[in-house]
Structure formats: structure tokens, C-alpha cells
Amino acid sequence: MNKAEKTALIQEIANSLKSYKGFYLLNMEGLNAQDTVAFRRACYSKGLRVRVVKNTLFSKALEIAGIPARAELESALKLQTAVIFVSENPKLPAQVLKEFRDKNKKESPFFKAAYIEESVFIGEEQLEALTRIKTKEELLGELIGRLQAPIQNVVAMLQGAGQTLAGVLKTLSERNSQNS
């Protein structure tokens, strides 16, 4: 690969870093060709794209993209690196990776790091935390549910009080008609 091709590739990766919400870094070592294809297909079926990158080119792309956590992420740029860019659901790559490992009873691909909405996750132990991250839609749903709960309680209380008052009035009117 000549210098012009490397420069174009760095710029392409940098543009991807800027346009996506985040990315995952994996080490694909330990997978044979068949398993690698199977993992790529599992990702592709969920709308994810796996791309193997050279560590030095990815490091330069991080610099060009202005990723604030570049120094932390560079510590994960050892051995072979594959990147998965995240567009919508930040936990989807973690779920796909975990499912692939469980289904195939393998420990690889290895999770190296993730950068999701300006948060850095480094090391295999962070993978479980990433599978539990809530999406923006899930958080909004919870917030709306929590905001609606007090209002629903007030409405239920008013309806209950109204029914009680109506029952008392009906009983009083029945007594008055019996006494008359």
C-alpha cells in the first residue's frame, strides 16, 4: 500500500469515526477462516460491519477525527485489530459478540475496547457492562413511564374519590326517598 492509499484509508476511517456514535475494537486472532466468516455474517445480519485495520493507521485516524480519549484507546491497539462501528444501538455489537461466543463455545474474538458516546470501555471485563447499556429509546421510555406514574396515581385517586362521593349521594337520595 503506497502513501496515497494509506492517507485515503486513514481519512475514510476518520470520517467513519466522526459520523458514527461509537465503535468497538476486537482481536480476531484465534479464529480460523470459517469462524471469521461466521462472525462477520452474524454481525452483517444485525446491520454491523466488521473491518480489520492496521493499528498505526487507526491511531492516526483517531487523531484526525479528534477523539478525546485517543490516548486511552491507543493502549488497546495491540495485536490484530478489527473495528465495528456503532450507528444506533450501542449494545448491539456486544450482544452479537457474546451470542457468537456462547453459540460456538469460543473465547474469541476478544473484546479490546469500545468508545460509545464519549465513554471508554477497555478490557474483556467491560463486555458484560456493554450488553446492559440502555439505548436512548429505552431510557426515554423509562423516563416517560416515571413521569406518568404520579399523574396516573392522582387520576386514579380522583376517580376513586368521585365514585365514593357518588355512592354516598346515591345512598342519601335512596334514604330520603324511603323516608318520604
N, C-alpha and C. Protein backbone atom coordinates (compact mmCIF):
# COMPACT_ATOMS: atom_id res chain seq x y z
N MET A 1 0.85 -1.16 0.00
CA MET A 1 0.00 0.00 0.00
C MET A 1 0.90 1.23 0.00
N ASN A 2 0.69 2.11 -0.97
CA ASN A 2 1.54 3.29 -1.03
C ASN A 2 0.99 4.40 -0.13
N LYS A 3 1.73 5.48 -0.03
CA LYS A 3 1.39 6.56 0.90
C LYS A 3 0.03 7.18 0.59
N ALA A 4 -0.28 7.37 -0.68
CA ALA A 4 -1.57 7.96 -1.06
C ALA A 4 -2.73 7.06 -0.64
N GLU A 5 -2.56 5.75 -0.80
CA GLU A 5 -3.61 4.81 -0.41
C GLU A 5 -3.78 4.79 1.11
N LYS A 6 -2.66 4.87 1.83
CA LYS A 6 -2.74 4.90 3.29
C LYS A 6 -3.44 6.17 3.77
N THR A 7 -3.10 7.30 3.15
CA THR A 7 -3.71 8.58 3.51
C THR A 7 -5.22 8.53 3.25
N ALA A 8 -5.63 7.97 2.13
CA ALA A 8 -7.05 7.86 1.80
C ALA A 8 -7.77 6.94 2.80
N LEU A 9 -7.13 5.86 3.17
CA LEU A 9 -7.71 4.92 4.13
C LEU A 9 -7.85 5.57 5.50
N ILE A 10 -6.83 6.29 5.92
CA ILE A 10 -6.88 6.99 7.22
C ILE A 10 -8.03 7.98 7.22
N GLN A 11 -8.19 8.72 6.14
CA GLN A 11 -9.26 9.71 6.04
C GLN A 11 -10.64 9.04 6.05
N GLU A 12 -10.74 7.91 5.38
CA GLU A 12 -12.01 7.16 5.35
C GLU A 12 -12.38 6.68 6.76
N ILE A 13 -11.40 6.14 7.48
CA ILE A 13 -11.65 5.69 8.85
C ILE A 13 -12.00 6.87 9.75
N ALA A 14 -11.28 7.98 9.59
CA ALA A 14 -11.55 9.18 10.39
C ALA A 14 -12.97 9.69 10.14
N ASN A 15 -13.41 9.68 8.90
CA ASN A 15 -14.78 10.10 8.58
C ASN A 15 -15.79 9.18 9.24
N SER A 16 -15.51 7.88 9.24
CA SER A 16 -16.40 6.93 9.91
C SER A 16 -16.43 7.19 11.41
N LEU A 17 -15.28 7.47 12.00
CA LEU A 17 -15.22 7.76 13.43
C LEU A 17 -16.06 8.98 13.79
N LYS A 18 -16.06 9.98 12.91
CA LYS A 18 -16.84 11.19 13.15
C LYS A 18 -18.33 10.97 12.95
N SER A 19 -18.71 10.13 12.00
CA SER A 19 -20.12 10.00 11.64
C SER A 19 -20.89 8.98 12.47
N TYR A 20 -20.21 8.05 13.12
CA TYR A 20 -20.89 7.04 13.93
C TYR A 20 -20.90 7.45 15.40
N LYS A 21 -21.82 6.85 16.18
CA LYS A 21 -21.92 7.14 17.62
C LYS A 21 -20.78 6.56 18.42
N GLY A 22 -20.11 5.55 17.87
CA GLY A 22 -19.02 4.92 18.60
C GLY A 22 -18.49 3.73 17.82
N PHE A 23 -17.62 2.98 18.47
CA PHE A 23 -17.02 1.82 17.82
C PHE A 23 -16.52 0.83 18.87
N TYR A 24 -16.37 -0.40 18.42
CA TYR A 24 -15.81 -1.49 19.23
C TYR A 24 -14.51 -1.92 18.57
N LEU A 25 -13.52 -2.26 19.38
CA LEU A 25 -12.26 -2.81 18.90
C LEU A 25 -12.16 -4.26 19.38
N LEU A 26 -11.91 -5.16 18.44
CA LEU A 26 -11.82 -6.59 18.76
C LEU A 26 -10.51 -7.15 18.26
N ASN A 27 -10.09 -8.25 18.85
CA ASN A 27 -8.95 -9.01 18.37
C ASN A 27 -9.50 -10.31 17.80
N MET A 28 -9.33 -10.50 16.48
CA MET A 28 -9.91 -11.65 15.80
C MET A 28 -8.97 -12.86 15.82
N GLU A 29 -7.79 -12.74 16.45
CA GLU A 29 -6.85 -13.87 16.49
C GLU A 29 -7.50 -15.04 17.20
N GLY A 30 -7.15 -16.21 16.78
CA GLY A 30 -7.72 -17.41 17.38
C GLY A 30 -8.91 -17.96 16.60
N LEU A 31 -9.38 -17.20 15.63
CA LEU A 31 -10.47 -17.68 14.79
C LEU A 31 -9.92 -18.19 13.46
N ASN A 32 -10.38 -19.33 13.02
CA ASN A 32 -9.98 -19.79 11.69
C ASN A 32 -10.84 -19.06 10.65
N ALA A 33 -10.58 -19.30 9.39
CA ALA A 33 -11.28 -18.59 8.32
C ALA A 33 -12.78 -18.82 8.39
N GLN A 34 -13.19 -20.05 8.66
CA GLN A 34 -14.61 -20.38 8.72
C GLN A 34 -15.31 -19.63 9.86
N ASP A 35 -14.67 -19.58 11.03
CA ASP A 35 -15.24 -18.86 12.18
C ASP A 35 -15.27 -17.36 11.94
N THR A 36 -14.23 -16.85 11.28
CA THR A 36 -14.19 -15.42 10.98
C THR A 36 -15.34 -15.04 10.07
N VAL A 37 -15.58 -15.85 9.05
CA VAL A 37 -16.70 -15.59 8.13
C VAL A 37 -18.02 -15.69 8.89
N ALA A 38 -18.15 -16.67 9.76
CA ALA A 38 -19.38 -16.84 10.55
C ALA A 38 -19.62 -15.62 11.44
N PHE A 39 -18.57 -15.10 12.07
CA PHE A 39 -18.72 -13.92 12.92
C PHE A 39 -19.10 -12.70 12.08
N ARG A 40 -18.45 -12.52 10.95
CA ARG A 40 -18.79 -11.39 10.08
C ARG A 40 -20.25 -11.48 9.62
N ARG A 41 -20.70 -12.69 9.30
CA ARG A 41 -22.10 -12.87 8.88
C ARG A 41 -23.06 -12.56 10.02
N ALA A 42 -22.71 -12.98 11.23
CA ALA A 42 -23.56 -12.69 12.39
C ALA A 42 -23.68 -11.18 12.59
N CYS A 43 -22.57 -10.48 12.40
CA CYS A 43 -22.59 -9.02 12.51
C CYS A 43 -23.40 -8.40 11.38
N TYR A 44 -23.15 -8.86 10.17
CA TYR A 44 -23.82 -8.32 8.98
C TYR A 44 -25.33 -8.51 9.07
N SER A 45 -25.77 -9.65 9.62
CA SER A 45 -27.21 -9.91 9.73
C SER A 45 -27.88 -8.92 10.68
N LYS A 46 -27.11 -8.31 11.57
CA LYS A 46 -27.64 -7.31 12.50
C LYS A 46 -27.35 -5.89 12.03
N GLY A 47 -26.82 -5.75 10.82
CA GLY A 47 -26.55 -4.42 10.28
C GLY A 47 -25.20 -3.85 10.70
N LEU A 48 -24.30 -4.69 11.19
CA LEU A 48 -22.98 -4.25 11.63
C LEU A 48 -21.94 -4.67 10.60
N ARG A 49 -20.91 -3.87 10.48
CA ARG A 49 -19.83 -4.18 9.55
C ARG A 49 -18.52 -4.32 10.32
N VAL A 50 -17.82 -5.41 10.09
CA VAL A 50 -16.53 -5.67 10.75
C VAL A 50 -15.43 -5.33 9.74
N ARG A 51 -14.46 -4.57 10.21
CA ARG A 51 -13.36 -4.19 9.33
C ARG A 51 -12.04 -4.34 10.08
N VAL A 52 -11.12 -5.08 9.50
CA VAL A 52 -9.79 -5.24 10.09
C VAL A 52 -8.96 -4.03 9.69
N VAL A 53 -8.29 -3.43 10.66
CA VAL A 53 -7.49 -2.23 10.40
C VAL A 53 -6.09 -2.39 10.99
N LYS A 54 -5.17 -1.66 10.41
CA LYS A 54 -3.81 -1.63 10.98
C LYS A 54 -3.83 -0.66 12.16
N ASN A 55 -3.16 -1.06 13.22
CA ASN A 55 -3.16 -0.24 14.44
C ASN A 55 -2.63 1.17 14.21
N THR A 56 -1.53 1.31 13.47
CA THR A 56 -0.96 2.63 13.24
C THR A 56 -1.90 3.52 12.43
N LEU A 57 -2.56 2.94 11.44
CA LEU A 57 -3.50 3.73 10.62
C LEU A 57 -4.72 4.13 11.45
N PHE A 58 -5.18 3.23 12.29
CA PHE A 58 -6.34 3.55 13.14
C PHE A 58 -5.97 4.63 14.15
N SER A 59 -4.78 4.57 14.69
CA SER A 59 -4.31 5.58 15.64
C SER A 59 -4.28 6.96 14.99
N LYS A 60 -3.79 7.02 13.76
CA LYS A 60 -3.76 8.30 13.03
C LYS A 60 -5.17 8.78 12.73
N ALA A 61 -6.09 7.86 12.43
CA ALA A 61 -7.48 8.23 12.17
C ALA A 61 -8.14 8.78 13.45
N LEU A 62 -7.81 8.20 14.61
CA LEU A 62 -8.32 8.73 15.88
C LEU A 62 -7.88 10.17 16.08
N GLU A 63 -6.62 10.44 15.75
CA GLU A 63 -6.08 11.79 15.88
C GLU A 63 -6.79 12.75 14.94
N ILE A 64 -6.95 12.37 13.69
CA ILE A 64 -7.61 13.24 12.70
C ILE A 64 -9.07 13.48 13.07
N ALA A 65 -9.75 12.44 13.58
CA ALA A 65 -11.17 12.57 13.95
C ALA A 65 -11.35 13.39 15.23
N GLY A 66 -10.28 13.60 15.97
CA GLY A 66 -10.36 14.39 17.19
C GLY A 66 -11.05 13.65 18.33
N ILE A 67 -10.84 12.36 18.42
CA ILE A 67 -11.43 11.56 19.50
C ILE A 67 -10.71 11.92 20.80
N PRO A 68 -11.43 12.46 21.79
CA PRO A 68 -10.76 12.91 23.02
C PRO A 68 -10.06 11.81 23.81
N ALA A 69 -10.55 10.59 23.74
CA ALA A 69 -9.98 9.50 24.53
C ALA A 69 -8.93 8.73 23.74
N ARG A 70 -8.28 9.38 22.82
CA ARG A 70 -7.31 8.72 21.93
C ARG A 70 -6.21 8.01 22.71
N ALA A 71 -5.66 8.64 23.72
CA ALA A 71 -4.56 8.05 24.49
C ALA A 71 -5.00 6.76 25.17
N GLU A 72 -6.21 6.75 25.75
CA GLU A 72 -6.71 5.54 26.41
C GLU A 72 -6.93 4.43 25.38
N LEU A 73 -7.50 4.78 24.24
CA LEU A 73 -7.81 3.79 23.22
C LEU A 73 -6.56 3.20 22.58
N GLU A 74 -5.51 4.00 22.49
CA GLU A 74 -4.28 3.51 21.87
C GLU A 74 -3.66 2.37 22.67
N SER A 75 -3.95 2.32 23.97
CA SER A 75 -3.43 1.22 24.77
C SER A 75 -4.03 -0.12 24.33
N ALA A 76 -5.20 -0.08 23.68
CA ALA A 76 -5.85 -1.31 23.20
C ALA A 76 -5.40 -1.69 21.79
N LEU A 77 -4.64 -0.82 21.16
CA LEU A 77 -4.22 -1.08 19.78
C LEU A 77 -2.95 -1.93 19.76
N LYS A 78 -3.11 -3.15 20.18
CA LYS A 78 -2.02 -4.13 20.15
C LYS A 78 -2.54 -5.35 19.39
N LEU A 79 -1.64 -6.12 18.83
CA LEU A 79 -2.01 -7.31 18.07
C LEU A 79 -2.97 -6.94 16.93
N GLN A 80 -3.72 -7.90 16.47
CA GLN A 80 -4.63 -7.66 15.35
C GLN A 80 -5.86 -6.90 15.84
N THR A 81 -6.33 -5.94 15.04
CA THR A 81 -7.48 -5.14 15.45
C THR A 81 -8.55 -5.15 14.36
N ALA A 82 -9.77 -5.41 14.80
CA ALA A 82 -10.95 -5.28 13.94
C ALA A 82 -11.85 -4.25 14.59
N VAL A 83 -12.50 -3.45 13.78
CA VAL A 83 -13.37 -2.39 14.30
C VAL A 83 -14.80 -2.63 13.81
N ILE A 84 -15.74 -2.39 14.71
CA ILE A 84 -17.16 -2.41 14.39
C ILE A 84 -17.70 -1.04 14.76
N PHE A 85 -18.26 -0.34 13.79
CA PHE A 85 -18.83 0.98 14.05
C PHE A 85 -20.27 0.85 14.52
N VAL A 86 -20.67 1.71 15.46
CA VAL A 86 -21.99 1.68 16.07
C VAL A 86 -22.79 2.86 15.55
N SER A 87 -23.96 2.56 14.96
CA SER A 87 -24.78 3.65 14.46
C SER A 87 -25.95 3.96 15.40
N GLU A 88 -26.74 2.97 15.77
CA GLU A 88 -27.91 3.22 16.59
C GLU A 88 -27.80 2.63 17.99
N ASN A 89 -27.84 1.33 18.07
CA ASN A 89 -27.89 0.62 19.35
C ASN A 89 -26.46 0.37 19.86
N PRO A 90 -26.04 1.05 20.93
CA PRO A 90 -24.66 0.90 21.39
C PRO A 90 -24.31 -0.47 21.96
N LYS A 91 -25.32 -1.24 22.36
CA LYS A 91 -25.02 -2.55 22.95
C LYS A 91 -25.10 -3.69 21.94
N LEU A 92 -25.54 -3.42 20.72
CA LEU A 92 -25.72 -4.47 19.72
C LEU A 92 -24.44 -5.23 19.41
N PRO A 93 -23.30 -4.57 19.17
CA PRO A 93 -22.07 -5.35 18.91
C PRO A 93 -21.68 -6.24 20.09
N ALA A 94 -21.86 -5.77 21.30
CA ALA A 94 -21.54 -6.58 22.48
C ALA A 94 -22.45 -7.81 22.55
N GLN A 95 -23.72 -7.61 22.24
CA GLN A 95 -24.66 -8.74 22.25
C GLN A 95 -24.31 -9.76 21.18
N VAL A 96 -23.97 -9.28 19.97
CA VAL A 96 -23.61 -10.19 18.87
C VAL A 96 -22.35 -10.96 19.24
N LEU A 97 -21.36 -10.28 19.80
CA LEU A 97 -20.11 -10.94 20.21
C LEU A 97 -20.38 -12.01 21.27
N LYS A 98 -21.17 -11.66 22.27
CA LYS A 98 -21.48 -12.60 23.34
C LYS A 98 -22.26 -13.81 22.81
N GLU A 99 -23.25 -13.56 21.95
CA GLU A 99 -24.04 -14.66 21.35
C GLU A 99 -23.14 -15.58 20.52
N PHE A 100 -22.25 -14.97 19.73
CA PHE A 100 -21.35 -15.76 18.89
C PHE A 100 -20.46 -16.66 19.75
N ARG A 101 -19.91 -16.10 20.80
CA ARG A 101 -19.05 -16.88 21.69
C ARG A 101 -19.81 -18.02 22.35
N ASP A 102 -21.01 -17.71 22.85
CA ASP A 102 -21.82 -18.74 23.52
C ASP A 102 -22.23 -19.85 22.56
N LYS A 103 -22.66 -19.46 21.37
CA LYS A 103 -23.13 -20.42 20.38
C LYS A 103 -22.00 -21.33 19.91
N ASN A 104 -20.82 -20.76 19.69
CA ASN A 104 -19.68 -21.52 19.17
C ASN A 104 -18.74 -22.03 20.25
N LYS A 105 -19.04 -21.74 21.50
CA LYS A 105 -18.22 -22.15 22.63
C LYS A 105 -16.75 -21.77 22.44
N LYS A 106 -16.55 -20.50 22.09
CA LYS A 106 -15.20 -19.96 21.88
C LYS A 106 -15.01 -18.72 22.74
N GLU A 107 -13.76 -18.40 22.99
CA GLU A 107 -13.44 -17.18 23.73
C GLU A 107 -13.10 -16.03 22.80
N SER A 108 -12.95 -16.31 21.54
CA SER A 108 -12.62 -15.25 20.59
C SER A 108 -13.79 -15.06 19.64
N PRO A 109 -13.90 -13.89 19.04
CA PRO A 109 -12.99 -12.76 19.08
C PRO A 109 -12.94 -12.13 20.48
N PHE A 110 -11.78 -11.59 20.78
CA PHE A 110 -11.55 -10.97 22.07
C PHE A 110 -11.97 -9.50 22.02
N PHE A 111 -12.64 -9.07 23.07
CA PHE A 111 -13.02 -7.66 23.18
C PHE A 111 -11.82 -6.87 23.69
N LYS A 112 -11.45 -5.82 22.98
CA LYS A 112 -10.32 -4.99 23.39
C LYS A 112 -10.79 -3.70 24.03
N ALA A 113 -11.67 -2.96 23.32
CA ALA A 113 -12.13 -1.67 23.82
C ALA A 113 -13.37 -1.23 23.06
N ALA A 114 -14.05 -0.25 23.62
CA ALA A 114 -15.18 0.38 22.94
C ALA A 114 -15.20 1.85 23.31
N TYR A 115 -15.68 2.63 22.37
CA TYR A 115 -15.85 4.07 22.58
C TYR A 115 -17.29 4.37 22.19
N ILE A 116 -18.14 4.62 23.19
CA ILE A 116 -19.56 4.84 22.96
C ILE A 116 -19.95 6.19 23.57
N GLU A 117 -20.38 7.10 22.71
CA GLU A 117 -20.85 8.42 23.14
C GLU A 117 -19.92 9.03 24.19
N GLU A 118 -18.67 9.11 23.87
CA GLU A 118 -17.61 9.73 24.66
C GLU A 118 -17.26 8.98 25.95
N SER A 119 -17.67 7.73 26.05
CA SER A 119 -17.28 6.88 27.18
C SER A 119 -16.37 5.78 26.66
N VAL A 120 -15.34 5.47 27.43
CA VAL A 120 -14.37 4.46 27.02
C VAL A 120 -14.53 3.22 27.89
N PHE A 121 -14.55 2.06 27.24
CA PHE A 121 -14.63 0.78 27.92
C PHE A 121 -13.44 -0.04 27.45
N ILE A 122 -12.53 -0.38 28.35
CA ILE A 122 -11.33 -1.12 27.97
C ILE A 122 -11.25 -2.41 28.76
N GLY A 123 -11.00 -3.49 28.05
CA GLY A 123 -10.79 -4.77 28.69
C GLY A 123 -12.00 -5.68 28.61
N GLU A 124 -11.69 -6.95 28.61
CA GLU A 124 -12.70 -8.00 28.48
C GLU A 124 -13.79 -7.91 29.55
N GLU A 125 -13.42 -7.48 30.75
CA GLU A 125 -14.38 -7.42 31.85
C GLU A 125 -15.49 -6.38 31.62
N GLN A 126 -15.28 -5.46 30.67
CA GLN A 126 -16.27 -4.43 30.37
C GLN A 126 -17.36 -4.90 29.41
N LEU A 127 -17.16 -6.05 28.80
CA LEU A 127 -18.11 -6.54 27.80
C LEU A 127 -19.50 -6.76 28.39
N GLU A 128 -19.56 -7.33 29.58
CA GLU A 128 -20.86 -7.57 30.22
C GLU A 128 -21.58 -6.25 30.50
N ALA A 129 -20.85 -5.24 30.92
CA ALA A 129 -21.45 -3.93 31.17
C ALA A 129 -22.02 -3.34 29.88
N LEU A 130 -21.33 -3.55 28.78
CA LEU A 130 -21.81 -3.03 27.50
C LEU A 130 -23.09 -3.71 27.04
N THR A 131 -23.28 -4.97 27.38
CA THR A 131 -24.52 -5.65 26.99
C THR A 131 -25.72 -5.13 27.76
N ARG A 132 -25.47 -4.46 28.88
CA ARG A 132 -26.57 -3.93 29.70
C ARG A 132 -26.83 -2.45 29.49
N ILE A 133 -26.05 -1.80 28.65
CA ILE A 133 -26.28 -0.37 28.38
C ILE A 133 -27.67 -0.20 27.80
N LYS A 134 -28.38 0.80 28.25
CA LYS A 134 -29.71 1.06 27.71
C LYS A 134 -29.62 2.01 26.52
N THR A 135 -30.46 1.74 25.53
CA THR A 135 -30.49 2.60 24.35
C THR A 135 -31.22 3.89 24.71
N LYS A 136 -31.09 4.86 23.86
CA LYS A 136 -31.75 6.15 24.07
C LYS A 136 -33.27 5.95 24.17
N GLU A 137 -33.82 5.09 23.32
CA GLU A 137 -35.26 4.83 23.33
C GLU A 137 -35.70 4.18 24.64
N GLU A 138 -34.89 3.23 25.14
CA GLU A 138 -35.22 2.57 26.41
C GLU A 138 -35.19 3.58 27.56
N LEU A 139 -34.20 4.47 27.57
CA LEU A 139 -34.12 5.48 28.62
C LEU A 139 -35.29 6.45 28.55
N LEU A 140 -35.66 6.87 27.33
CA LEU A 140 -36.81 7.78 27.18
C LEU A 140 -38.10 7.11 27.63
N GLY A 141 -38.26 5.82 27.30
CA GLY A 141 -39.44 5.08 27.73
C GLY A 141 -39.54 5.02 29.25
N GLU A 142 -38.41 4.75 29.91
CA GLU A 142 -38.39 4.71 31.37
C GLU A 142 -38.73 6.07 31.96
N LEU A 143 -38.16 7.13 31.39
CA LEU A 143 -38.39 8.49 31.87
C LEU A 143 -39.87 8.85 31.74
N ILE A 144 -40.45 8.56 30.60
CA ILE A 144 -41.87 8.88 30.38
C ILE A 144 -42.73 8.07 31.34
N GLY A 145 -42.40 6.81 31.54
CA GLY A 145 -43.14 5.98 32.49
C GLY A 145 -43.08 6.53 33.90
N ARG A 146 -41.91 6.99 34.29
CA ARG A 146 -41.75 7.55 35.65
C ARG A 146 -42.46 8.89 35.79
N LEU A 147 -42.50 9.67 34.71
CA LEU A 147 -43.20 10.94 34.76
C LEU A 147 -44.72 10.74 34.77
N GLN A 148 -45.19 9.70 34.10
CA GLN A 148 -46.63 9.44 34.03
C GLN A 148 -47.16 8.82 35.32
N ALA A 149 -46.34 8.10 36.05
CA ALA A 149 -46.80 7.38 37.24
C ALA A 149 -47.50 8.30 38.25
N PRO A 150 -46.93 9.44 38.65
CA PRO A 150 -47.62 10.30 39.62
C PRO A 150 -48.95 10.83 39.07
N ILE A 151 -48.99 11.15 37.81
CA ILE A 151 -50.22 11.67 37.20
C ILE A 151 -51.30 10.58 37.23
N GLN A 152 -50.90 9.35 36.89
CA GLN A 152 -51.85 8.24 36.89
C GLN A 152 -52.37 7.98 38.30
N ASN A 153 -51.52 8.14 39.31
CA ASN A 153 -51.95 7.96 40.70
C ASN A 153 -52.98 9.02 41.10
N VAL A 154 -52.75 10.26 40.69
CA VAL A 154 -53.68 11.36 41.01
C VAL A 154 -55.03 11.11 40.33
N VAL A 155 -55.00 10.72 39.05
CA VAL A 155 -56.24 10.44 38.32
C VAL A 155 -56.99 9.28 38.97
N ALA A 156 -56.28 8.22 39.32
CA ALA A 156 -56.92 7.07 39.97
C ALA A 156 -57.53 7.48 41.31
N MET A 157 -56.84 8.32 42.06
CA MET A 157 -57.33 8.77 43.35
C MET A 157 -58.59 9.63 43.17
N LEU A 158 -58.56 10.52 42.18
CA LEU A 158 -59.73 11.36 41.91
C LEU A 158 -60.91 10.52 41.45
N GLN A 159 -60.65 9.54 40.61
CA GLN A 159 -61.74 8.66 40.15
C GLN A 159 -62.31 7.88 41.32
N GLY A 160 -61.45 7.39 42.18
CA GLY A 160 -61.90 6.65 43.36
C GLY A 160 -62.71 7.52 44.28
N ALA A 161 -62.24 8.76 44.50
CA ALA A 161 -62.95 9.70 45.37
C ALA A 161 -64.29 10.07 44.74
N GLY A 162 -64.32 10.23 43.44
CA GLY A 162 -65.57 10.56 42.74
C GLY A 162 -66.57 9.43 42.86
N GLN A 163 -66.10 8.21 42.74
CA GLN A 163 -67.00 7.05 42.86
C GLN A 163 -67.53 6.94 44.29
N THR A 164 -66.68 7.21 45.27
CA THR A 164 -67.10 7.16 46.66
C THR A 164 -68.16 8.23 46.93
N LEU A 165 -67.94 9.44 46.44
CA LEU A 165 -68.87 10.54 46.62
C LEU A 165 -70.20 10.22 45.93
N ALA A 166 -70.14 9.66 44.73
CA ALA A 166 -71.37 9.29 44.01
C ALA A 166 -72.13 8.22 44.78
N GLY A 167 -71.41 7.27 45.36
CA GLY A 167 -72.05 6.22 46.16
C GLY A 167 -72.74 6.79 47.39
N VAL A 168 -72.12 7.71 48.07
CA VAL A 168 -72.70 8.35 49.26
C VAL A 168 -73.94 9.12 48.88
N LEU A 169 -73.88 9.90 47.79
CA LEU A 169 -75.03 10.68 47.34
C LEU A 169 -76.20 9.78 46.96
N LYS A 170 -75.91 8.68 46.30
CA LYS A 170 -76.96 7.73 45.90
C LYS A 170 -77.61 7.13 47.13
N THR A 171 -76.82 6.75 48.12
CA THR A 171 -77.35 6.17 49.35
C THR A 171 -78.22 7.20 50.08
N LEU A 172 -77.77 8.45 50.14
CA LEU A 172 -78.55 9.51 50.80
C LEU A 172 -79.86 9.75 50.07
N SER A 173 -79.80 9.77 48.74
CA SER A 173 -81.03 10.01 47.97
C SER A 173 -82.00 8.84 48.14
N GLU A 174 -81.50 7.61 48.23
CA GLU A 174 -82.37 6.45 48.47
C GLU A 174 -83.00 6.52 49.85
N ARG A 175 -82.27 6.96 50.87
CA ARG A 175 -82.81 7.11 52.23
C ARG A 175 -83.90 8.16 52.25
N ASN A 176 -83.63 9.28 51.53
CA ASN A 176 -84.62 10.36 51.51
C ASN A 176 -85.91 9.89 50.82
N SER A 177 -85.77 9.11 49.74
CA SER A 177 -86.98 8.64 49.05
C SER A 177 -87.71 7.60 49.89
N GLN A 178 -87.02 6.83 50.70
CA GLN A 178 -87.67 5.85 51.57
C GLN A 178 -88.36 6.55 52.74
N ASN A 179 -87.75 7.63 53.22
CA ASN A 179 -88.32 8.36 54.36
C ASN A 179 -89.52 9.22 53.92
N SER A 180 -89.59 9.53 52.68
CA SER A 180 -90.68 10.40 52.23
C SER A 180 -91.94 9.68 52.01
